[in-house]
């Protein structure tokens, strides 16, 4: 199993403008927060999480996430984004899906009411 790099994901979330709520993922993350995931099919999501759980995440996966986010942000239409995702290498797609859902979780947590 690969060395865990969960702390590095926090760095990526803070350092990558495409990963923040104001970046390329923002409209998709806000939709994801209400359960709508138009860029990913359910089978792809399940498969990505199974593979990430089995193989873990590595340092190079952070670079894959950066590159994938940049490429996705450069596509202006949903159709072009879907073509990119269809052509993406399986590991890159898995990492992007994982990162997307991690961003959705962060988006939800940032807007959760504080309970006292």
N, C-alpha and C. Protein backbone atom coordinates (compact mmCIF):
# COMPACT_ATOMS: atom_id res chain seq x y z
N UNK A 1 0.85 -1.18 0.00
CA UNK A 1 0.00 0.00 0.00
C UNK A 1 0.89 1.24 0.00
N UNK A 2 0.48 2.25 -0.71
CA UNK A 2 1.26 3.48 -0.84
C UNK A 2 1.26 4.26 0.46
N UNK A 3 2.28 5.08 0.62
CA UNK A 3 2.38 5.94 1.79
C UNK A 3 1.24 6.96 1.79
N UNK A 4 0.55 7.12 2.93
CA UNK A 4 -0.55 8.09 2.97
C UNK A 4 -0.03 9.52 2.79
N UNK A 5 -0.77 10.29 2.05
CA UNK A 5 -0.39 11.68 1.83
C UNK A 5 -1.55 12.62 2.13
N UNK A 6 -2.41 12.22 3.06
CA UNK A 6 -3.62 13.02 3.32
C UNK A 6 -3.29 14.46 3.70
N UNK A 7 -2.23 14.69 4.46
CA UNK A 7 -1.87 16.05 4.84
C UNK A 7 -1.51 16.87 3.62
N UNK A 8 -0.96 16.24 2.60
CA UNK A 8 -0.59 16.96 1.38
C UNK A 8 -1.82 17.42 0.62
N UNK A 9 -2.93 16.71 0.77
CA UNK A 9 -4.16 17.15 0.11
C UNK A 9 -4.62 18.47 0.68
N UNK A 10 -4.41 18.67 1.97
CA UNK A 10 -4.76 19.95 2.58
C UNK A 10 -3.92 21.07 1.96
N UNK A 11 -2.64 20.81 1.73
CA UNK A 11 -1.77 21.79 1.09
C UNK A 11 -2.26 22.08 -0.32
N UNK A 12 -2.63 21.03 -1.05
CA UNK A 12 -3.14 21.21 -2.41
C UNK A 12 -4.41 22.03 -2.41
N UNK A 13 -5.31 21.76 -1.48
CA UNK A 13 -6.55 22.52 -1.41
C UNK A 13 -6.27 24.00 -1.19
N UNK A 14 -5.27 24.31 -0.36
CA UNK A 14 -4.98 25.70 -0.04
C UNK A 14 -4.13 26.39 -1.10
N UNK A 15 -3.29 25.61 -1.80
CA UNK A 15 -2.33 26.24 -2.69
C UNK A 15 -2.76 26.30 -4.15
N UNK A 16 -3.75 25.52 -4.54
CA UNK A 16 -4.13 25.43 -5.94
C UNK A 16 -5.40 26.25 -6.17
N UNK A 17 -5.29 27.34 -6.88
CA UNK A 17 -6.46 28.19 -7.13
C UNK A 17 -7.57 27.44 -7.82
N UNK A 18 -7.24 26.47 -8.67
CA UNK A 18 -8.27 25.69 -9.36
C UNK A 18 -9.04 24.80 -8.39
N UNK A 19 -8.47 24.52 -7.26
CA UNK A 19 -9.11 23.62 -6.31
C UNK A 19 -10.01 24.33 -5.32
N UNK A 20 -9.91 25.62 -5.23
CA UNK A 20 -10.70 26.35 -4.25
C UNK A 20 -12.11 26.60 -4.79
N UNK A 21 -12.96 27.07 -3.90
CA UNK A 21 -14.35 27.32 -4.30
C UNK A 21 -14.44 28.33 -5.44
N UNK A 22 -13.45 29.19 -5.59
CA UNK A 22 -13.48 30.19 -6.65
C UNK A 22 -12.82 29.71 -7.94
N UNK A 23 -12.30 28.49 -7.95
CA UNK A 23 -11.55 27.99 -9.10
C UNK A 23 -12.39 27.22 -10.09
N UNK A 24 -11.71 26.45 -10.92
CA UNK A 24 -12.34 25.74 -12.03
C UNK A 24 -13.39 24.73 -11.57
N UNK A 25 -13.24 24.21 -10.38
CA UNK A 25 -14.20 23.21 -9.90
C UNK A 25 -15.42 23.81 -9.22
N UNK A 26 -15.41 25.11 -8.96
CA UNK A 26 -16.48 25.69 -8.14
C UNK A 26 -17.90 25.32 -8.57
N UNK A 27 -18.30 25.51 -9.82
CA UNK A 27 -19.68 25.17 -10.15
C UNK A 27 -19.98 23.69 -9.94
N UNK A 28 -18.99 22.85 -10.19
CA UNK A 28 -19.19 21.41 -10.06
C UNK A 28 -19.22 21.01 -8.60
N UNK A 29 -18.39 21.64 -7.79
CA UNK A 29 -18.35 21.34 -6.36
C UNK A 29 -19.64 21.78 -5.69
N UNK A 30 -20.14 22.95 -6.04
CA UNK A 30 -21.39 23.41 -5.43
C UNK A 30 -22.57 22.52 -5.84
N UNK A 31 -22.56 22.03 -7.07
CA UNK A 31 -23.58 21.05 -7.47
C UNK A 31 -23.40 19.74 -6.71
N UNK A 32 -22.14 19.34 -6.56
CA UNK A 32 -21.85 18.10 -5.83
C UNK A 32 -22.32 18.15 -4.40
N UNK A 33 -22.30 19.33 -3.81
CA UNK A 33 -22.73 19.49 -2.42
C UNK A 33 -24.21 19.15 -2.23
N UNK A 34 -24.97 19.20 -3.31
CA UNK A 34 -26.40 18.83 -3.23
C UNK A 34 -26.66 17.49 -3.91
N UNK A 35 -25.58 16.74 -4.18
CA UNK A 35 -25.72 15.39 -4.70
C UNK A 35 -25.77 15.25 -6.21
N UNK A 36 -25.45 16.31 -6.94
CA UNK A 36 -25.47 16.27 -8.40
C UNK A 36 -24.02 16.25 -8.89
N UNK A 37 -23.68 15.20 -9.65
CA UNK A 37 -22.31 15.02 -10.13
C UNK A 37 -22.32 14.79 -11.64
N UNK A 38 -22.57 15.84 -12.44
CA UNK A 38 -22.76 15.67 -13.88
C UNK A 38 -21.52 15.26 -14.67
N UNK A 39 -20.34 15.41 -14.11
CA UNK A 39 -19.14 15.07 -14.86
C UNK A 39 -18.73 13.61 -14.72
N UNK A 40 -19.27 12.93 -13.71
CA UNK A 40 -18.81 11.57 -13.43
C UNK A 40 -19.97 10.59 -13.36
N UNK A 41 -19.76 9.42 -13.93
CA UNK A 41 -20.76 8.36 -13.87
C UNK A 41 -20.59 7.58 -12.55
N UNK A 42 -21.69 7.01 -12.06
CA UNK A 42 -21.66 6.31 -10.78
C UNK A 42 -20.63 5.19 -10.78
N UNK A 43 -20.51 4.44 -11.86
CA UNK A 43 -19.53 3.35 -11.92
C UNK A 43 -18.10 3.88 -11.82
N UNK A 44 -17.83 5.00 -12.46
CA UNK A 44 -16.50 5.60 -12.40
C UNK A 44 -16.17 6.06 -10.99
N UNK A 45 -17.16 6.60 -10.30
CA UNK A 45 -16.97 7.06 -8.93
C UNK A 45 -16.66 5.88 -8.01
N UNK A 46 -17.46 4.83 -8.12
CA UNK A 46 -17.23 3.63 -7.29
C UNK A 46 -15.85 3.04 -7.55
N UNK A 47 -15.52 2.91 -8.82
CA UNK A 47 -14.24 2.33 -9.21
C UNK A 47 -13.07 3.17 -8.68
N UNK A 48 -13.19 4.49 -8.80
CA UNK A 48 -12.12 5.37 -8.33
C UNK A 48 -11.89 5.20 -6.83
N UNK A 49 -12.97 5.18 -6.05
CA UNK A 49 -12.81 5.04 -4.61
C UNK A 49 -12.27 3.67 -4.22
N UNK A 50 -12.69 2.63 -4.93
CA UNK A 50 -12.15 1.29 -4.66
C UNK A 50 -10.66 1.25 -4.93
N UNK A 51 -10.23 1.84 -6.03
CA UNK A 51 -8.80 1.84 -6.38
C UNK A 51 -7.98 2.69 -5.42
N UNK A 52 -8.49 3.87 -5.06
CA UNK A 52 -7.77 4.74 -4.13
C UNK A 52 -7.67 4.06 -2.76
N UNK A 53 -8.75 3.42 -2.33
CA UNK A 53 -8.73 2.71 -1.04
C UNK A 53 -7.72 1.56 -1.08
N UNK A 54 -7.68 0.85 -2.19
CA UNK A 54 -6.77 -0.29 -2.34
C UNK A 54 -5.31 0.15 -2.48
N UNK A 55 -5.06 1.16 -3.32
CA UNK A 55 -3.70 1.54 -3.67
C UNK A 55 -3.16 2.71 -2.86
N UNK A 56 -4.05 3.47 -2.24
CA UNK A 56 -3.63 4.66 -1.52
C UNK A 56 -3.28 5.79 -2.48
N UNK A 57 -2.79 6.87 -1.92
CA UNK A 57 -2.37 8.03 -2.70
C UNK A 57 -0.88 8.26 -2.48
N UNK A 58 -0.24 8.73 -3.51
CA UNK A 58 1.20 8.97 -3.43
C UNK A 58 1.50 10.43 -3.76
N UNK A 59 2.71 10.86 -3.49
CA UNK A 59 3.13 12.21 -3.83
C UNK A 59 2.89 12.55 -5.28
N UNK A 60 3.25 11.66 -6.22
CA UNK A 60 3.00 11.98 -7.64
C UNK A 60 1.52 12.20 -7.97
N UNK A 61 0.63 11.63 -7.14
CA UNK A 61 -0.80 11.85 -7.38
C UNK A 61 -1.16 13.33 -7.24
N UNK A 62 -0.42 14.06 -6.40
CA UNK A 62 -0.66 15.50 -6.25
C UNK A 62 -0.39 16.22 -7.56
N UNK A 63 0.68 15.81 -8.25
CA UNK A 63 1.00 16.40 -9.54
C UNK A 63 -0.07 16.05 -10.57
N UNK A 64 -0.56 14.83 -10.51
CA UNK A 64 -1.64 14.40 -11.41
C UNK A 64 -2.88 15.25 -11.17
N UNK A 65 -3.19 15.50 -9.89
CA UNK A 65 -4.36 16.32 -9.56
C UNK A 65 -4.20 17.73 -10.10
N UNK A 66 -3.03 18.33 -9.92
CA UNK A 66 -2.78 19.67 -10.45
C UNK A 66 -2.99 19.71 -11.97
N UNK A 67 -2.37 18.77 -12.66
CA UNK A 67 -2.45 18.74 -14.13
C UNK A 67 -3.88 18.51 -14.59
N UNK A 68 -4.57 17.60 -13.94
CA UNK A 68 -5.95 17.29 -14.33
C UNK A 68 -6.87 18.49 -14.13
N UNK A 69 -6.69 19.18 -13.00
CA UNK A 69 -7.51 20.36 -12.73
C UNK A 69 -7.25 21.47 -13.74
N UNK A 70 -5.98 21.66 -14.09
CA UNK A 70 -5.64 22.68 -15.10
C UNK A 70 -6.30 22.33 -16.43
N UNK A 71 -6.19 21.08 -16.85
CA UNK A 71 -6.78 20.66 -18.12
C UNK A 71 -8.30 20.82 -18.09
N UNK A 72 -8.92 20.41 -17.01
CA UNK A 72 -10.37 20.52 -16.90
C UNK A 72 -10.80 21.99 -16.93
N UNK A 73 -10.05 22.85 -16.25
CA UNK A 73 -10.38 24.28 -16.22
C UNK A 73 -10.25 24.95 -17.57
N UNK A 74 -9.41 24.40 -18.45
CA UNK A 74 -9.21 24.99 -19.77
C UNK A 74 -10.35 24.65 -20.72
N UNK A 75 -11.13 23.64 -20.41
CA UNK A 75 -12.27 23.26 -21.26
C UNK A 75 -13.47 24.08 -20.84
N UNK A 76 -14.04 24.85 -21.75
CA UNK A 76 -15.12 25.77 -21.39
C UNK A 76 -16.51 25.15 -21.46
N UNK A 77 -16.69 24.09 -22.22
CA UNK A 77 -18.02 23.51 -22.33
C UNK A 77 -18.06 22.16 -21.62
N UNK A 78 -19.25 21.77 -21.22
CA UNK A 78 -19.42 20.47 -20.57
C UNK A 78 -19.01 19.35 -21.54
N UNK A 79 -19.37 19.48 -22.79
CA UNK A 79 -19.03 18.46 -23.78
C UNK A 79 -17.51 18.27 -23.87
N UNK A 80 -16.77 19.36 -23.87
CA UNK A 80 -15.30 19.25 -23.94
C UNK A 80 -14.71 18.69 -22.65
N UNK A 81 -15.32 19.02 -21.52
CA UNK A 81 -14.87 18.46 -20.25
C UNK A 81 -15.09 16.95 -20.25
N UNK A 82 -16.24 16.51 -20.76
CA UNK A 82 -16.55 15.08 -20.80
C UNK A 82 -15.61 14.33 -21.74
N UNK A 83 -15.25 14.94 -22.86
CA UNK A 83 -14.29 14.31 -23.78
C UNK A 83 -12.95 14.15 -23.07
N UNK A 84 -12.50 15.18 -22.37
CA UNK A 84 -11.25 15.11 -21.62
C UNK A 84 -11.30 13.96 -20.61
N UNK A 85 -12.39 13.88 -19.87
CA UNK A 85 -12.52 12.83 -18.86
C UNK A 85 -12.53 11.44 -19.50
N UNK A 86 -13.20 11.31 -20.64
CA UNK A 86 -13.22 10.02 -21.35
C UNK A 86 -11.84 9.60 -21.82
N UNK A 87 -11.01 10.57 -22.18
CA UNK A 87 -9.67 10.29 -22.71
C UNK A 87 -8.60 10.19 -21.61
N UNK A 88 -8.95 10.51 -20.39
CA UNK A 88 -7.99 10.57 -19.30
C UNK A 88 -7.52 9.16 -18.91
N UNK A 89 -6.26 9.05 -18.54
CA UNK A 89 -5.72 7.79 -18.04
C UNK A 89 -6.50 7.38 -16.79
N UNK A 90 -6.71 6.08 -16.57
CA UNK A 90 -7.51 5.63 -15.43
C UNK A 90 -7.04 6.18 -14.09
N UNK A 91 -5.74 6.19 -13.83
CA UNK A 91 -5.25 6.68 -12.53
C UNK A 91 -5.52 8.18 -12.39
N UNK A 92 -5.32 8.93 -13.45
CA UNK A 92 -5.59 10.37 -13.42
C UNK A 92 -7.07 10.63 -13.14
N UNK A 93 -7.94 9.86 -13.78
CA UNK A 93 -9.38 10.02 -13.54
C UNK A 93 -9.72 9.66 -12.10
N UNK A 94 -9.15 8.57 -11.59
CA UNK A 94 -9.40 8.17 -10.20
C UNK A 94 -9.00 9.28 -9.24
N UNK A 95 -7.82 9.84 -9.43
CA UNK A 95 -7.33 10.89 -8.54
C UNK A 95 -8.21 12.13 -8.65
N UNK A 96 -8.61 12.48 -9.87
CA UNK A 96 -9.47 13.65 -10.06
C UNK A 96 -10.82 13.45 -9.37
N UNK A 97 -11.40 12.28 -9.51
CA UNK A 97 -12.68 11.99 -8.86
C UNK A 97 -12.52 12.07 -7.34
N UNK A 98 -11.47 11.46 -6.81
CA UNK A 98 -11.22 11.51 -5.37
C UNK A 98 -11.08 12.96 -4.91
N UNK A 99 -10.28 13.71 -5.64
CA UNK A 99 -10.04 15.11 -5.28
C UNK A 99 -11.33 15.93 -5.37
N UNK A 100 -12.12 15.67 -6.40
CA UNK A 100 -13.41 16.36 -6.55
C UNK A 100 -14.28 16.12 -5.31
N UNK A 101 -14.41 14.86 -4.88
CA UNK A 101 -15.25 14.57 -3.73
C UNK A 101 -14.64 15.13 -2.44
N UNK A 102 -13.33 15.16 -2.37
CA UNK A 102 -12.68 15.79 -1.22
C UNK A 102 -13.02 17.28 -1.20
N UNK A 103 -13.03 17.92 -2.35
CA UNK A 103 -13.38 19.33 -2.46
C UNK A 103 -14.84 19.56 -2.10
N UNK A 104 -15.72 18.63 -2.50
CA UNK A 104 -17.14 18.72 -2.12
C UNK A 104 -17.27 18.66 -0.60
N UNK A 105 -16.55 17.73 0.02
CA UNK A 105 -16.59 17.63 1.49
C UNK A 105 -16.12 18.92 2.15
N UNK A 106 -15.03 19.50 1.63
CA UNK A 106 -14.51 20.76 2.18
C UNK A 106 -15.52 21.90 1.99
N UNK A 107 -16.18 21.93 0.84
CA UNK A 107 -17.18 22.95 0.53
C UNK A 107 -18.34 22.85 1.53
N UNK A 108 -18.80 21.63 1.78
CA UNK A 108 -19.92 21.42 2.71
C UNK A 108 -19.50 21.80 4.13
N UNK A 109 -18.31 21.37 4.53
CA UNK A 109 -17.83 21.65 5.89
C UNK A 109 -17.68 23.16 6.13
N UNK A 110 -17.24 23.88 5.11
CA UNK A 110 -17.04 25.32 5.25
C UNK A 110 -18.36 26.07 5.43
N UNK A 111 -19.45 25.47 5.00
CA UNK A 111 -20.74 26.13 5.09
C UNK A 111 -21.64 25.54 6.16
N UNK A 112 -21.12 24.58 6.89
CA UNK A 112 -21.92 23.95 7.95
C UNK A 112 -22.10 24.92 9.12
N UNK A 113 -23.30 24.93 9.70
CA UNK A 113 -23.51 25.80 10.85
C UNK A 113 -22.67 25.33 12.04
N UNK A 114 -22.21 26.29 12.83
CA UNK A 114 -21.43 25.98 14.02
C UNK A 114 -22.41 25.71 15.15
N UNK A 115 -22.26 24.55 15.78
CA UNK A 115 -23.12 24.19 16.90
C UNK A 115 -22.38 24.48 18.20
N UNK A 116 -23.04 25.16 19.10
CA UNK A 116 -22.41 25.49 20.38
C UNK A 116 -23.00 24.66 21.48
